[in-house]
Amino acid sequence: MSIHDLYSIENMEQDGNRITCRVQIDAGHPVFEGHFPGSPVLPGVVQVEMVKAALANALGKPIRLTDMTTCKFLEILDPRATPEMVISIQYKGDAALDVSATGSAGDKTFFKIRASFI
């Protein structure tokens, strides 16, 4: 099963080394039939992938995760209740990127990540 149609990245804005985008989540995606039946939860690995995809899109090049120093999932994201999330990314570096990112909606922060990508 592909996750590529699970979400879409929209309204990307970049200001220097800051990236902000809105992510639309498809609550009807088949992944939620198994994660979890009757109580869908957006998998944490998908949230990390969203950060990678947004960063790669903004930079216009493929990247890969090399190190994750911090990864905290602070709230459960039920896509029925929260079909849209804002991802905020701050990075430094050119070839090697040190990244801090959060995913939030309203007053809820779903994740905080500090990681390195190349």
Protein backbone atom coordinates (compact mmCIF):
# COMPACT_ATOMS: atom_id res chain seq x y z
CA MET A 1 0.00 0.00 0.00
CA SER A 2 1.33 3.40 -0.99
CA ILE A 3 1.32 6.32 1.42
CA HIS A 4 1.77 8.84 -1.38
CA ASP A 5 -1.98 9.42 -1.66
CA LEU A 6 -2.41 9.47 2.13
CA TYR A 7 -1.61 13.18 2.32
CA SER A 8 -0.95 16.20 0.14
CA ILE A 9 1.32 19.14 0.84
CA GLU A 10 -0.26 22.51 0.12
CA ASN A 11 0.36 26.22 0.62
CA MET A 12 4.13 25.90 0.96
CA GLU A 13 5.88 29.09 2.02
CA GLN A 14 9.61 29.58 2.40
CA ASP A 15 11.34 32.49 4.10
CA GLY A 16 15.10 31.98 4.24
CA ASN A 17 15.70 28.81 6.23
CA ARG A 18 12.09 28.54 7.40
CA ILE A 19 9.46 26.46 5.64
CA THR A 20 5.76 26.34 6.49
CA CYS A 21 3.14 24.25 4.74
CA ARG A 22 -0.31 22.83 5.23
CA VAL A 23 -0.79 19.10 4.91
CA GLN A 24 -4.18 17.63 4.00
CA ILE A 25 -4.71 14.10 5.34
CA ASP A 26 -7.10 11.66 3.64
CA ALA A 27 -9.08 10.18 6.55
CA GLY A 28 -10.59 7.65 4.13
CA HIS A 29 -7.22 6.17 3.14
CA PRO A 30 -7.01 2.35 3.50
CA VAL A 31 -4.04 2.61 5.92
CA PHE A 32 -6.50 3.64 8.64
CA GLU A 33 -8.41 0.36 8.29
CA GLY A 34 -5.50 -1.31 10.07
CA HIS A 35 -4.09 1.62 12.06
CA PHE A 36 -6.45 1.31 13.96
CA PRO A 37 -9.86 -0.13 13.05
CA GLY A 38 -12.56 2.23 14.33
CA SER A 39 -9.99 4.59 15.88
CA PRO A 40 -7.71 5.84 13.09
CA VAL A 41 -4.31 7.24 14.06
CA LEU A 42 -1.83 8.83 11.65
CA PRO A 43 1.34 6.72 12.02
CA GLY A 44 4.35 8.53 13.45
CA VAL A 45 6.56 7.33 10.61
CA VAL A 46 4.20 9.09 8.17
CA GLN A 47 4.52 12.32 10.14
CA VAL A 48 8.32 12.08 9.84
CA GLU A 49 7.93 11.35 6.11
CA MET A 50 5.80 14.49 5.77
CA VAL A 51 8.68 16.58 7.13
CA LYS A 52 11.11 14.93 4.71
CA ALA A 53 8.73 15.42 1.76
CA ALA A 54 8.08 19.08 2.58
CA LEU A 55 11.80 19.79 2.98
CA ALA A 56 12.70 17.99 -0.27
CA ASN A 57 9.92 19.82 -2.10
CA ALA A 58 11.04 23.24 -0.81
CA LEU A 59 14.71 22.57 -1.62
CA GLY A 60 13.94 21.01 -4.98
CA LYS A 61 16.11 17.95 -4.43
CA PRO A 62 15.83 14.45 -2.99
CA ILE A 63 17.04 14.07 0.59
CA ARG A 64 17.36 11.27 3.10
CA LEU A 65 17.28 11.09 6.86
CA THR A 66 20.70 10.37 8.40
CA ASP A 67 20.17 10.99 12.12
CA MET A 68 17.33 11.75 14.48
CA THR A 69 18.33 13.30 17.78
CA THR A 70 14.81 13.97 19.07
CA CYS A 71 11.43 12.68 18.00
CA LYS A 72 8.46 13.32 20.27
CA PHE A 73 4.88 12.49 19.40
CA LEU A 74 2.87 14.65 21.78
CA GLU A 75 -0.72 14.06 20.66
CA ILE A 76 -2.55 11.32 18.79
CA LEU A 77 -3.60 12.57 15.37
CA ASP A 78 -7.03 11.25 14.43
CA PRO A 79 -7.48 12.25 10.77
CA ARG A 80 -11.26 12.44 11.17
CA ALA A 81 -10.90 15.18 13.80
CA THR A 82 -7.78 16.77 12.31
CA PRO A 83 -7.73 16.44 8.52
CA GLU A 84 -5.23 19.30 8.18
CA MET A 85 -1.94 20.00 9.93
CA VAL A 86 0.62 22.79 9.66
CA ILE A 87 4.23 21.69 9.43
CA SER A 88 6.87 24.25 10.40
CA ILE A 89 10.50 23.53 9.55
CA GLN A 90 13.64 25.44 10.38
CA TYR A 91 16.95 24.23 8.95
CA LYS A 92 20.59 25.19 8.62
CA GLY A 93 23.29 23.90 6.35
CA ASP A 94 23.52 23.19 2.64
CA ALA A 95 24.74 19.66 1.89
CA ALA A 96 24.05 18.38 5.41
CA LEU A 97 20.88 19.83 6.91
CA ASP A 98 20.19 20.22 10.62
CA VAL A 99 16.41 20.36 10.95
CA SER A 100 13.90 21.26 13.65
CA ALA A 101 10.27 20.62 12.77
CA THR A 102 6.84 20.62 14.37
CA GLY A 103 3.40 19.52 13.25
CA SER A 104 0.40 21.31 14.73
CA ALA A 105 -3.23 22.23 14.30
CA GLY A 106 -4.80 24.97 16.37
CA ASP A 107 -3.43 24.78 19.88
CA LYS A 108 -2.30 21.14 19.55
CA THR A 109 1.26 20.17 18.70
CA PHE A 110 1.39 16.62 17.37
CA PHE A 111 5.13 16.17 17.01
CA LYS A 112 8.53 17.79 17.47
CA ILE A 113 11.55 16.51 15.57
CA ARG A 114 15.26 17.37 15.48
CA ALA A 115 17.05 15.49 12.74
CA SER A 116 19.75 15.57 10.08
CA PHE A 117 19.21 15.03 6.36
CA ILE A 118 21.55 14.91 3.36
